Amino acid sequence: MTIETKIMKVKINGIEEIIEYKTDLYFGDIQEIKKKTYKAKNPFEVEFDSELYQRMIMEKAIVKAPFLPTDYTAIYKLDGDVVTEILTVLMDTFPLERYFRPLQKMLKKVEETLTQ
């Protein structure tokens, strides 16, 4: 299976740079992201690490950039507006509900059963 990519342009230190990113992820990548970012003891006790979700999406989705998507030291030194611009595009491409909808439905059924 070939995953399509798109390109976004951002200015880093006044220079226009190209960032190429995937428009979809492999199922294994999605499962890894869910496993590492979402913890639920039960439908009433849920923890979600949104910062880790964003970082993992950057790692998995960015194909080409003027920085390594796994080098958080370099990313943390980028202008905040640049990173926000990149994350906005990636979060539009990979919204939470896209991957967590099946889990939401399952937990809702469990919650309904527990509250009856």
PDB file of N, CA and C in Angstrom:
ATOM      1  N   MET A   1       0.833  -1.178   0.000  1.00  0.00           N
ATOM      2  CA  MET A   1       0.000   0.000   0.000  1.00  0.00           C
ATOM      3  C   MET A   1       0.882   1.247   0.000  1.00  0.00           C
ATOM      4  N   THR A   2       0.582   2.159  -0.872  1.00  0.00           N
ATOM      5  CA  THR A   2       1.308   3.410  -0.944  1.00  0.00           C
ATOM      6  C   THR A   2       0.473   4.506  -0.299  1.00  0.00           C
ATOM      7  N   ILE A   3       1.078   5.209   0.609  1.00  0.00           N
ATOM      8  CA  ILE A   3       0.393   6.318   1.276  1.00  0.00           C
ATOM      9  C   ILE A   3       0.776   7.611   0.574  1.00  0.00           C
ATOM     10  N   GLU A   4      -0.229   8.403   0.240  1.00  0.00           N
ATOM     11  CA  GLU A   4       0.015   9.687  -0.410  1.00  0.00           C
ATOM     12  C   GLU A   4       0.667  10.659   0.556  1.00  0.00           C
ATOM     13  N   THR A   5       1.344  11.619  -0.026  1.00  0.00           N
ATOM     14  CA  THR A   5       1.928  12.687   0.787  1.00  0.00           C
ATOM     15  C   THR A   5       1.467  14.027   0.233  1.00  0.00           C
ATOM     16  N   LYS A   6       1.547  15.028   1.090  1.00  0.00           N
ATOM     17  CA  LYS A   6       1.270  16.410   0.706  1.00  0.00           C
ATOM     18  C   LYS A   6       2.454  17.251   1.151  1.00  0.00           C
ATOM     19  N   ILE A   7       2.479  18.463   0.637  1.00  0.00           N
ATOM     20  CA  ILE A   7       3.559  19.385   0.983  1.00  0.00           C
ATOM     21  C   ILE A   7       2.973  20.653   1.583  1.00  0.00           C
ATOM     22  N   MET A   8       3.618  21.125   2.625  1.00  0.00           N
ATOM     23  CA  MET A   8       3.292  22.440   3.182  1.00  0.00           C
ATOM     24  C   MET A   8       4.574  23.259   3.174  1.00  0.00           C
ATOM     25  N   LYS A   9       4.411  24.546   3.066  1.00  0.00           N
ATOM     26  CA  LYS A   9       5.562  25.452   3.095  1.00  0.00           C
ATOM     27  C   LYS A   9       5.479  26.296   4.358  1.00  0.00           C
ATOM     28  N   VAL A  10       6.599  26.386   5.047  1.00  0.00           N
ATOM     29  CA  VAL A  10       6.683  27.219   6.254  1.00  0.00           C
ATOM     30  C   VAL A  10       7.982  28.015   6.197  1.00  0.00           C
ATOM     31  N   LYS A  11       7.978  29.150   6.861  1.00  0.00           N
ATOM     32  CA  LYS A  11       9.200  29.951   6.939  1.00  0.00           C
ATOM     33  C   LYS A  11       9.903  29.650   8.255  1.00  0.00           C
ATOM     34  N   ILE A  12      11.130  29.186   8.132  1.00  0.00           N
ATOM     35  CA  ILE A  12      11.963  28.917   9.303  1.00  0.00           C
ATOM     36  C   ILE A  12      13.180  29.822   9.196  1.00  0.00           C
ATOM     37  N   ASN A  13      13.322  30.697  10.174  1.00  0.00           N
ATOM     38  CA  ASN A  13      14.408  31.687  10.180  1.00  0.00           C
ATOM     39  C   ASN A  13      14.415  32.517   8.896  1.00  0.00           C
ATOM     40  N   GLY A  14      13.220  32.876   8.411  1.00  0.00           N
ATOM     41  CA  GLY A  14      13.095  33.720   7.235  1.00  0.00           C
ATOM     42  C   GLY A  14      13.254  32.998   5.902  1.00  0.00           C
ATOM     43  N   ILE A  15      13.513  31.708   5.933  1.00  0.00           N
ATOM     44  CA  ILE A  15      13.707  30.932   4.705  1.00  0.00           C
ATOM     45  C   ILE A  15      12.513  30.007   4.513  1.00  0.00           C
ATOM     46  N   GLU A  16      11.932  30.027   3.300  1.00  0.00           N
ATOM     47  CA  GLU A  16      10.800  29.147   3.028  1.00  0.00           C
ATOM     48  C   GLU A  16      11.305  27.707   2.916  1.00  0.00           C
ATOM     49  N   GLU A  17      10.728  26.855   3.742  1.00  0.00           N
ATOM     50  CA  GLU A  17      11.111  25.445   3.783  1.00  0.00           C
ATOM     51  C   GLU A  17       9.907  24.587   3.413  1.00  0.00           C
ATOM     52  N   ILE A  18      10.180  23.400   2.890  1.00  0.00           N
ATOM     53  CA  ILE A  18       9.125  22.461   2.511  1.00  0.00           C
ATOM     54  C   ILE A  18       9.078  21.330   3.522  1.00  0.00           C
ATOM     55  N   ILE A  19       7.870  21.024   3.947  1.00  0.00           N
ATOM     56  CA  ILE A  19       7.642  19.870   4.813  1.00  0.00           C
ATOM     57  C   ILE A  19       6.696  18.941   4.081  1.00  0.00           C
ATOM     58  N   GLU A  20       7.150  17.719   3.872  1.00  0.00           N
ATOM     59  CA  GLU A  20       6.323  16.710   3.224  1.00  0.00           C
ATOM     60  C   GLU A  20       5.775  15.796   4.315  1.00  0.00           C
ATOM     61  N   TYR A  21       4.473  15.523   4.238  1.00  0.00           N
ATOM     62  CA  TYR A  21       3.851  14.700   5.274  1.00  0.00           C
ATOM     63  C   TYR A  21       2.853  13.729   4.661  1.00  0.00           C
ATOM     64  N   LYS A  22       2.660  12.616   5.350  1.00  0.00           N
ATOM     65  CA  LYS A  22       1.726  11.589   4.903  1.00  0.00           C
ATOM     66  C   LYS A  22       0.287  12.047   5.138  1.00  0.00           C
ATOM     67  N   THR A  23      -0.628  11.542   4.317  1.00  0.00           N
ATOM     68  CA  THR A  23      -2.045  11.854   4.500  1.00  0.00           C
ATOM     69  C   THR A  23      -2.776  10.738   5.233  1.00  0.00           C
ATOM     70  N   ASP A  24      -2.068   9.663   5.499  1.00  0.00           N
ATOM     71  CA  ASP A  24      -2.641   8.536   6.241  1.00  0.00           C
ATOM     72  C   ASP A  24      -1.499   7.835   6.952  1.00  0.00           C
ATOM     73  N   LEU A  25      -1.839   7.000   7.911  1.00  0.00           N
ATOM     74  CA  LEU A  25      -0.840   6.228   8.640  1.00  0.00           C
ATOM     75  C   LEU A  25      -1.161   4.750   8.533  1.00  0.00           C
ATOM     76  N   TYR A  26      -0.144   3.935   8.706  1.00  0.00           N
ATOM     77  CA  TYR A  26      -0.366   2.485   8.741  1.00  0.00           C
ATOM     78  C   TYR A  26      -1.091   2.113  10.024  1.00  0.00           C
ATOM     79  N   PHE A  27      -1.859   1.033   9.972  1.00  0.00           N
ATOM     80  CA  PHE A  27      -2.633   0.591  11.128  1.00  0.00           C
ATOM     81  C   PHE A  27      -1.744   0.376  12.353  1.00  0.00           C
ATOM     82  N   GLY A  28      -0.573  -0.203  12.147  1.00  0.00           N
ATOM     83  CA  GLY A  28       0.346  -0.429  13.268  1.00  0.00           C
ATOM     84  C   GLY A  28       0.781   0.864  13.938  1.00  0.00           C
ATOM     85  N   ASP A  29       0.997   1.903  13.135  1.00  0.00           N
ATOM     86  CA  ASP A  29       1.364   3.211  13.692  1.00  0.00           C
ATOM     87  C   ASP A  29       0.219   3.790  14.515  1.00  0.00           C
ATOM     88  N   ILE A  30      -1.004   3.642  13.990  1.00  0.00           N
ATOM     89  CA  ILE A  30      -2.184   4.149  14.695  1.00  0.00           C
ATOM     90  C   ILE A  30      -2.340   3.436  16.041  1.00  0.00           C
ATOM     91  N   GLN A  31      -2.189   2.121  16.021  1.00  0.00           N
ATOM     92  CA  GLN A  31      -2.324   1.343  17.260  1.00  0.00           C
ATOM     93  C   GLN A  31      -1.265   1.747  18.278  1.00  0.00           C
ATOM     94  N   GLU A  32      -0.035   1.958  17.818  1.00  0.00           N
ATOM     95  CA  GLU A  32       1.043   2.373  18.722  1.00  0.00           C
ATOM     96  C   GLU A  32       0.735   3.730  19.349  1.00  0.00           C
ATOM     97  N   ILE A  33       0.252   4.663  18.542  1.00  0.00           N
ATOM     98  CA  ILE A  33      -0.093   5.993  19.051  1.00  0.00           C
ATOM     99  C   ILE A  33      -1.198   5.891  20.094  1.00  0.00           C
ATOM    100  N   LYS A  34      -2.230   5.120  19.804  1.00  0.00           N
ATOM    101  CA  LYS A  34      -3.334   4.972  20.767  1.00  0.00           C
ATOM    102  C   LYS A  34      -2.848   4.332  22.058  1.00  0.00           C
ATOM    103  N   LYS A  35      -2.046   3.293  21.933  1.00  0.00           N
ATOM    104  CA  LYS A  35      -1.564   2.578  23.124  1.00  0.00           C
ATOM    105  C   LYS A  35      -0.720   3.478  24.033  1.00  0.00           C
ATOM    106  N   LYS A  36       0.090   4.329  23.426  1.00  0.00           N
ATOM    107  CA  LYS A  36       0.994   5.167  24.221  1.00  0.00           C
ATOM    108  C   LYS A  36       0.352   6.444  24.745  1.00  0.00           C
ATOM    109  N   THR A  37      -0.739   6.900  24.111  1.00  0.00           N
ATOM    110  CA  THR A  37      -1.297   8.206  24.500  1.00  0.00           C
ATOM    111  C   THR A  37      -2.587   8.107  25.294  1.00  0.00           C
ATOM    112  N   TYR A  38      -3.235   6.961  25.268  1.00  0.00           N
ATOM    113  CA  TYR A  38      -4.564   6.842  25.869  1.00  0.00           C
ATOM    114  C   TYR A  38      -4.564   5.732  26.908  1.00  0.00           C
ATOM    115  N   LYS A  39      -4.973   6.064  28.110  1.00  0.00           N
ATOM    116  CA  LYS A  39      -5.074   5.082  29.202  1.00  0.00           C
ATOM    117  C   LYS A  39      -6.460   5.198  29.818  1.00  0.00           C
ATOM    118  N   ALA A  40      -7.145   4.068  29.913  1.00  0.00           N
ATOM    119  CA  ALA A  40      -8.483   4.074  30.520  1.00  0.00           C
ATOM    120  C   ALA A  40      -8.611   2.862  31.432  1.00  0.00           C
ATOM    121  N   LYS A  41      -8.754   3.134  32.730  1.00  0.00           N
ATOM    122  CA  LYS A  41      -9.021   2.048  33.674  1.00  0.00           C
ATOM    123  C   LYS A  41     -10.461   1.603  33.524  1.00  0.00           C
ATOM    124  N   ASN A  42     -11.310   2.570  33.268  1.00  0.00           N
ATOM    125  CA  ASN A  42     -12.726   2.327  33.003  1.00  0.00           C
ATOM    126  C   ASN A  42     -13.255   3.583  32.302  1.00  0.00           C
ATOM    127  N   PRO A  43     -14.500   3.573  31.838  1.00  0.00           N
ATOM    128  CA  PRO A  43     -14.998   4.751  31.098  1.00  0.00           C
ATOM    129  C   PRO A  43     -15.009   6.054  31.902  1.00  0.00           C
ATOM    130  N   PHE A  44     -14.877   5.956  33.220  1.00  0.00           N
ATOM    131  CA  PHE A  44     -14.932   7.144  34.063  1.00  0.00           C
ATOM    132  C   PHE A  44     -13.551   7.670  34.440  1.00  0.00           C
ATOM    133  N   GLU A  45     -12.509   6.852  34.218  1.00  0.00           N
ATOM    134  CA  GLU A  45     -11.140   7.246  34.540  1.00  0.00           C
ATOM    135  C   GLU A  45     -10.289   7.147  33.279  1.00  0.00           C
ATOM    136  N   VAL A  46     -10.169   8.256  32.583  1.00  0.00           N
ATOM    137  CA  VAL A  46      -9.464   8.289  31.313  1.00  0.00           C
ATOM    138  C   VAL A  46      -8.335   9.300  31.373  1.00  0.00           C
ATOM    139  N   GLU A  47      -7.185   8.910  30.835  1.00  0.00           N
ATOM    140  CA  GLU A  47      -6.050   9.820  30.714  1.00  0.00           C
ATOM    141  C   GLU A  47      -5.643   9.871  29.255  1.00  0.00           C
ATOM    142  N   PHE A  48      -5.422  11.064  28.751  1.00  0.00           N
ATOM    143  CA  PHE A  48      -4.970  11.226  27.382  1.00  0.00           C
ATOM    144  C   PHE A  48      -3.838  12.235  27.358  1.00  0.00           C
ATOM    145  N   ASP A  49      -2.731  11.868  26.737  1.00  0.00           N
ATOM    146  CA  ASP A  49      -1.554  12.737  26.654  1.00  0.00           C
ATOM    147  C   ASP A  49      -1.544  13.416  25.283  1.00  0.00           C
ATOM    148  N   SER A  50      -2.109  14.614  25.206  1.00  0.00           N
ATOM    149  CA  SER A  50      -2.227  15.313  23.920  1.00  0.00           C
ATOM    150  C   SER A  50      -0.871  15.747  23.375  1.00  0.00           C
ATOM    151  N   GLU A  51       0.047  16.113  24.245  1.00  0.00           N
ATOM    152  CA  GLU A  51       1.386  16.505  23.787  1.00  0.00           C
ATOM    153  C   GLU A  51       2.098  15.322  23.127  1.00  0.00           C
ATOM    154  N   LEU A  52       2.012  14.163  23.750  1.00  0.00           N
ATOM    155  CA  LEU A  52       2.622  12.966  23.180  1.00  0.00           C
ATOM    156  C   LEU A  52       1.939  12.587  21.869  1.00  0.00           C
ATOM    157  N   TYR A  53       0.607  12.739  21.798  1.00  0.00           N
ATOM    158  CA  TYR A  53      -0.129  12.462  20.558  1.00  0.00           C
ATOM    159  C   TYR A  53       0.418  13.336  19.427  1.00  0.00           C
ATOM    160  N   GLN A  54       0.584  14.621  19.678  1.00  0.00           N
ATOM    161  CA  GLN A  54       1.094  15.535  18.652  1.00  0.00           C
ATOM    162  C   GLN A  54       2.513  15.169  18.237  1.00  0.00           C
ATOM    163  N   ARG A  55       3.363  14.855  19.208  1.00  0.00           N
ATOM    164  CA  ARG A  55       4.744  14.489  18.889  1.00  0.00           C
ATOM    165  C   ARG A  55       4.799  13.209  18.065  1.00  0.00           C
ATOM    166  N   MET A  56       3.977  12.227  18.439  1.00  0.00           N
ATOM    167  CA  MET A  56       3.988  10.957  17.713  1.00  0.00           C
ATOM    168  C   MET A  56       3.432  11.116  16.299  1.00  0.00           C
ATOM    169  N   ILE A  57       2.434  11.967  16.132  1.00  0.00           N
ATOM    170  CA  ILE A  57       1.917  12.245  14.788  1.00  0.00           C
ATOM    171  C   ILE A  57       3.022  12.891  13.952  1.00  0.00           C
ATOM    172  N   MET A  58       3.758  13.830  14.529  1.00  0.00           N
ATOM    173  CA  MET A  58       4.876  14.444  13.806  1.00  0.00           C
ATOM    174  C   MET A  58       5.892  13.383  13.391  1.00  0.00           C
ATOM    175  N   GLU A  59       6.240  12.496  14.320  1.00  0.00           N
ATOM    176  CA  GLU A  59       7.215  11.442  14.028  1.00  0.00           C
ATOM    177  C   GLU A  59       6.763  10.534  12.890  1.00  0.00           C
ATOM    178  N   LYS A  60       5.508  10.115  12.953  1.00  0.00           N
ATOM    179  CA  LYS A  60       4.989   9.131  11.995  1.00  0.00           C
ATOM    180  C   LYS A  60       4.601   9.753  10.659  1.00  0.00           C
ATOM    181  N   ALA A  61       4.152  11.004  10.660  1.00  0.00           N
ATOM    182  CA  ALA A  61       3.596  11.597   9.445  1.00  0.00           C
ATOM    183  C   ALA A  61       4.612  12.376   8.615  1.00  0.00           C
ATOM    184  N   ILE A  62       5.569  13.024   9.263  1.00  0.00           N
ATOM    185  CA  ILE A  62       6.506  13.857   8.498  1.00  0.00           C
ATOM    186  C   ILE A  62       7.516  12.972   7.779  1.00  0.00           C
ATOM    187  N   VAL A  63       7.570  13.148   6.467  1.00  0.00           N
ATOM    188  CA  VAL A  63       8.452  12.369   5.606  1.00  0.00           C
ATOM    189  C   VAL A  63       9.750  13.135   5.339  1.00  0.00           C
ATOM    190  N   LYS A  64       9.604  14.438   5.116  1.00  0.00           N
ATOM    191  CA  LYS A  64      10.761  15.270   4.787  1.00  0.00           C
ATOM    192  C   LYS A  64      10.583  16.633   5.426  1.00  0.00           C
ATOM    193  N   ALA A  65      11.636  17.094   6.088  1.00  0.00           N
ATOM    194  CA  ALA A  65      11.596  18.408   6.739  1.00  0.00           C
ATOM    195  C   ALA A  65      13.033  18.867   6.975  1.00  0.00           C
ATOM    196  N   PRO A  66      13.227  20.151   7.232  1.00  0.00           N
ATOM    197  CA  PRO A  66      14.575  20.649   7.519  1.00  0.00           C
ATOM    198  C   PRO A  66      15.021  20.324   8.955  1.00  0.00           C
ATOM    199  N   PHE A  67      14.291  19.448   9.614  1.00  0.00           N
ATOM    200  CA  PHE A  67      14.627  18.982  10.960  1.00  0.00           C
ATOM    201  C   PHE A  67      14.175  17.522  11.063  1.00  0.00           C
ATOM    202  N   LEU A  68      14.760  16.788  11.978  1.00  0.00           N
ATOM    203  CA  LEU A  68      14.313  15.415  12.211  1.00  0.00           C
ATOM    204  C   LEU A  68      13.064  15.460  13.091  1.00  0.00           C
ATOM    205  N   PRO A  69      11.970  14.808  12.681  1.00  0.00           N
ATOM    206  CA  PRO A  69      10.749  14.869  13.493  1.00  0.00           C
ATOM    207  C   PRO A  69      10.885  14.171  14.849  1.00  0.00           C
ATOM    208  N   THR A  70      11.959  13.429  15.040  1.00  0.00           N
ATOM    209  CA  THR A  70      12.196  12.786  16.345  1.00  0.00           C
ATOM    210  C   THR A  70      13.172  13.583  17.212  1.00  0.00           C
ATOM    211  N   ASP A  71      13.716  14.655  16.681  1.00  0.00           N
ATOM    212  CA  ASP A  71      14.682  15.486  17.418  1.00  0.00           C
ATOM    213  C   ASP A  71      13.938  16.607  18.130  1.00  0.00           C
ATOM    214  N   TYR A  72      13.458  16.314  19.328  1.00  0.00           N
ATOM    215  CA  TYR A  72      12.650  17.289  20.057  1.00  0.00           C
ATOM    216  C   TYR A  72      13.452  18.498  20.496  1.00  0.00           C
ATOM    217  N   THR A  73      14.740  18.338  20.695  1.00  0.00           N
ATOM    218  CA  THR A  73      15.577  19.483  21.045  1.00  0.00           C
ATOM    219  C   THR A  73      15.534  20.508  19.909  1.00  0.00           C
ATOM    220  N   ALA A  74      15.671  20.052  18.669  1.00  0.00           N
ATOM    221  CA  ALA A  74      15.617  20.950  17.516  1.00  0.00           C
ATOM    222  C   ALA A  74      14.215  21.537  17.345  1.00  0.00           C
ATOM    223  N   ILE A  75      13.204  20.723  17.514  1.00  0.00           N
ATOM    224  CA  ILE A  75      11.819  21.187  17.355  1.00  0.00           C
ATOM    225  C   ILE A  75      11.496  22.239  18.413  1.00  0.00           C
ATOM    226  N   TYR A  76      11.924  22.001  19.657  1.00  0.00           N
ATOM    227  CA  TYR A  76      11.640  22.944  20.737  1.00  0.00           C
ATOM    228  C   TYR A  76      12.350  24.281  20.534  1.00  0.00           C
ATOM    229  N   LYS A  77      13.377  24.303  19.703  1.00  0.00           N
ATOM    230  CA  LYS A  77      14.093  25.548  19.428  1.00  0.00           C
ATOM    231  C   LYS A  77      13.516  26.309  18.244  1.00  0.00           C
ATOM    232  N   LEU A  78      12.549  25.696  17.523  1.00  0.00           N
ATOM    233  CA  LEU A  78      11.891  26.389  16.410  1.00  0.00           C
ATOM    234  C   LEU A  78      10.941  27.451  16.947  1.00  0.00           C
ATOM    235  N   ASP A  79      10.671  28.457  16.134  1.00  0.00           N
ATOM    236  CA  ASP A  79       9.707  29.482  16.493  1.00  0.00           C
ATOM    237  C   ASP A  79       8.351  28.825  16.783  1.00  0.00           C
ATOM    238  N   GLY A  80       7.709  29.261  17.825  1.00  0.00           N
ATOM    239  CA  GLY A  80       6.429  28.673  18.235  1.00  0.00           C
ATOM    240  C   GLY A  80       5.363  28.751  17.156  1.00  0.00           C
ATOM    241  N   ASP A  81       5.340  29.856  16.403  1.00  0.00           N
ATOM    242  CA  ASP A  81       4.356  29.999  15.329  1.00  0.00           C
ATOM    243  C   ASP A  81       4.572  28.970  14.225  1.00  0.00           C
ATOM    244  N   VAL A  82       5.828  28.636  13.956  1.00  0.00           N
ATOM    245  CA  VAL A  82       6.144  27.637  12.925  1.00  0.00           C
ATOM    246  C   VAL A  82       5.626  26.270  13.359  1.00  0.00           C
ATOM    247  N   VAL A  83       5.927  25.885  14.583  1.00  0.00           N
ATOM    248  CA  VAL A  83       5.489  24.582  15.080  1.00  0.00           C
ATOM    249  C   VAL A  83       3.966  24.532  15.155  1.00  0.00           C
ATOM    250  N   THR A  84       3.343  25.624  15.578  1.00  0.00           N
ATOM    251  CA  THR A  84       1.879  25.680  15.627  1.00  0.00           C
ATOM    252  C   THR A  84       1.292  25.516  14.233  1.00  0.00           C
ATOM    253  N   GLU A  85       1.899  26.142  13.250  1.00  0.00           N
ATOM    254  CA  GLU A  85       1.430  26.016  11.864  1.00  0.00           C
ATOM    255  C   GLU A  85       1.529  24.557  11.380  1.00  0.00           C
ATOM    256  N   ILE A  86       2.649  23.918  11.671  1.00  0.00           N
ATOM    257  CA  ILE A  86       2.848  22.518  11.282  1.00  0.00           C
ATOM    258  C   ILE A  86       1.834  21.629  11.992  1.00  0.00           C
ATOM    259  N   LEU A  87       1.693  21.815  13.296  1.00  0.00           N
ATOM    260  CA  LEU A  87       0.760  20.988  14.071  1.00  0.00           C
ATOM    261  C   LEU A  87      -0.681  21.211  13.642  1.00  0.00           C
ATOM    262  N   THR A  88      -1.027  22.432  13.282  1.00  0.00           N
ATOM    263  CA  THR A  88      -2.401  22.709  12.831  1.00  0.00           C
ATOM    264  C   THR A  88      -2.726  21.890  11.584  1.00  0.00           C
ATOM    265  N   VAL A  89      -1.807  21.870  10.640  1.00  0.00           N
ATOM    266  CA  VAL A  89      -2.023  21.077   9.420  1.00  0.00           C
ATOM    267  C   VAL A  89      -2.094  19.590   9.758  1.00  0.00           C
ATOM    268  N   LEU A  90      -1.183  19.128  10.597  1.00  0.00           N
ATOM    269  CA  LEU A  90      -1.180  17.701  10.956  1.00  0.00           C
ATOM    270  C   LEU A  90      -2.414  17.303  11.761  1.00  0.00           C
ATOM    271  N   MET A  91      -2.869  18.161  12.661  1.00  0.00           N
ATOM    272  CA  MET A  91      -4.057  17.825  13.451  1.00  0.00           C
ATOM    273  C   MET A  91      -5.327  17.892  12.598  1.00  0.00           C
ATOM    274  N   ASP A  92      -5.328  18.728  11.561  1.00  0.00           N
ATOM    275  CA  ASP A  92      -6.443  18.719  10.616  1.00  0.00           C
ATOM    276  C   ASP A  92      -6.443  17.425   9.804  1.00  0.00           C
ATOM    277  N   THR A  93      -5.257  16.926   9.498  1.00  0.00           N
ATOM    278  CA  THR A  93      -5.114  15.690   8.725  1.00  0.00           C
ATOM    279  C   THR A  93      -5.374  14.462   9.583  1.00  0.00           C
ATOM    280  N   PHE A  94      -4.960  14.510  10.833  1.00  0.00           N
ATOM    281  CA  PHE A  94      -5.081  13.374  11.756  1.00  0.00           C
ATOM    282  C   PHE A  94      -5.837  13.770  13.020  1.00  0.00           C
ATOM    283  N   PRO A  95      -7.116  14.137  12.897  1.00  0.00           N
ATOM    284  CA  PRO A  95      -7.869  14.539  14.098  1.00  0.00           C
ATOM    285  C   PRO A  95      -8.085  13.350  15.034  1.00  0.00           C
ATOM    286  N   LEU A  96      -8.177  13.653  16.302  1.00  0.00           N
ATOM    287  CA  LEU A  96      -8.368  12.602  17.315  1.00  0.00           C
ATOM    288  C   LEU A  96      -9.534  11.683  16.980  1.00  0.00           C
ATOM    289  N   GLU A  97     -10.673  12.282  16.626  1.00  0.00           N
ATOM    290  CA  GLU A  97     -11.870  11.467  16.412  1.00  0.00           C
ATOM    291  C   GLU A  97     -11.707  10.470  15.278  1.00  0.00           C
ATOM    292  N   ARG A  98     -10.793  10.741  14.363  1.00  0.00           N
ATOM    293  CA  ARG A  98     -10.551   9.818  13.242  1.00  0.00           C
ATOM    294  C   ARG A  98     -10.074   8.460  13.745  1.00  0.00           C
ATOM    295  N   TYR A  99      -9.240   8.445  14.760  1.00  0.00           N
ATOM    296  CA  TYR A  99      -8.654   7.201  15.255  1.00  0.00           C
ATOM    297  C   TYR A  99      -9.279   6.690  16.545  1.00  0.00           C
ATOM    298  N   PHE A 100      -9.918   7.571  17.280  1.00  0.00           N
ATOM    299  CA  PHE A 100     -10.461   7.155  18.573  1.00  0.00           C
ATOM    300  C   PHE A 100     -11.969   6.890  18.541  1.00  0.00           C
ATOM    301  N   ARG A 101     -12.618   7.089  17.415  1.00  0.00           N
ATOM    302  CA  ARG A 101     -14.064   6.865  17.297  1.00  0.00           C
ATOM    303  C   ARG A 101     -14.462   5.431  17.696  1.00  0.00           C
ATOM    304  N   PRO A 102     -13.786   4.384  17.190  1.00  0.00           N
ATOM    305  CA  PRO A 102     -14.167   3.022  17.603  1.00  0.00           C
ATOM    306  C   PRO A 102     -14.024   2.801  19.108  1.00  0.00           C
ATOM    307  N   LEU A 103     -12.976   3.364  19.683  1.00  0.00           N
ATOM    308  CA  LEU A 103     -12.761   3.232  21.120  1.00  0.00           C
ATOM    309  C   LEU A 103     -13.845   3.971  21.894  1.00  0.00           C
ATOM    310  N   GLN A 104     -14.221   5.156  21.420  1.00  0.00           N
ATOM    311  CA  GLN A 104     -15.295   5.925  22.060  1.00  0.00           C
ATOM    312  C   GLN A 104     -16.593   5.125  22.082  1.00  0.00           C
ATOM    313  N   LYS A 105     -16.921   4.515  20.962  1.00  0.00           N
ATOM    314  CA  LYS A 105     -18.159   3.733  20.878  1.00  0.00           C
ATOM    315  C   LYS A 105     -18.133   2.565  21.858  1.00  0.00           C
ATOM    316  N   MET A 106     -16.994   1.888  21.931  1.00  0.00           N
ATOM    317  CA  MET A 106     -16.867   0.756  22.837  1.00  0.00           C
ATOM    318  C   MET A 106     -17.021   1.195  24.295  1.00  0.00           C
ATOM    319  N   LEU A 107     -16.332   2.287  24.665  1.00  0.00           N
ATOM    320  CA  LEU A 107     -16.407   2.768  26.044  1.00  0.00           C
ATOM    321  C   LEU A 107     -17.806   3.279  26.388  1.00  0.00           C
ATOM    322  N   LYS A 108     -18.494   3.851  25.419  1.00  0.00           N
ATOM    323  CA  LYS A 108     -19.853   4.327  25.660  1.00  0.00           C
ATOM    324  C   LYS A 108     -20.777   3.155  25.981  1.00  0.00           C
ATOM    325  N   LYS A 109     -20.610   2.059  25.273  1.00  0.00           N
ATOM    326  CA  LYS A 109     -21.418   0.864  25.554  1.00  0.00           C
ATOM    327  C   LYS A 109     -21.125   0.316  26.960  1.00  0.00           C
ATOM    328  N   VAL A 110     -19.847   0.314  27.311  1.00  0.00           N
ATOM    329  CA  VAL A 110     -19.478  -0.163  28.660  1.00  0.00           C
ATOM    330  C   VAL A 110     -20.068   0.773  29.702  1.00  0.00           C
ATOM    331  N   GLU A 111     -19.977   2.078  29.479  1.00  0.00           N
ATOM    332  CA  GLU A 111     -20.539   3.069  30.415  1.00  0.00           C
ATOM    333  C   GLU A 111     -22.050   2.879  30.558  1.00  0.00           C
ATOM    334  N   GLU A 112     -22.742   2.681  29.462  1.00  0.00           N
ATOM    335  CA  GLU A 112     -24.196   2.469  29.507  1.00  0.00           C
ATOM    336  C   GLU A 112     -24.517   1.225  30.309  1.00  0.00           C
ATOM    337  N   THR A 113     -23.748   0.181  30.140  1.00  0.00           N
ATOM    338  CA  THR A 113     -23.959  -1.064  30.889  1.00  0.00           C
ATOM    339  C   THR A 113     -23.714  -0.852  32.378  1.00  0.00           C
ATOM    340  N   LEU A 114     -22.666  -0.105  32.714  1.00  0.00           N
ATOM    341  CA  LEU A 114     -22.323   0.134  34.116  1.00  0.00           C
ATOM    342  C   LEU A 114     -23.316   1.039  34.832  1.00  0.00           C
ATOM    343  N   THR A 115     -23.970   1.933  34.094  1.00  0.00           N
ATOM    344  CA  THR A 115     -24.887   2.883  34.734  1.00  0.00           C
ATOM    345  C   THR A 115     -26.337   2.413  34.725  1.00  0.00           C
ATOM    346  N   GLN A 116     -26.605   1.241  34.204  1.00  0.00           N
ATOM    347  CA  GLN A 116     -27.990   0.729  34.205  1.00  0.00           C
ATOM    348  C   GLN A 116     -28.363   0.142  35.542  1.00  0.00           C
TER     349      GLN A 116
END
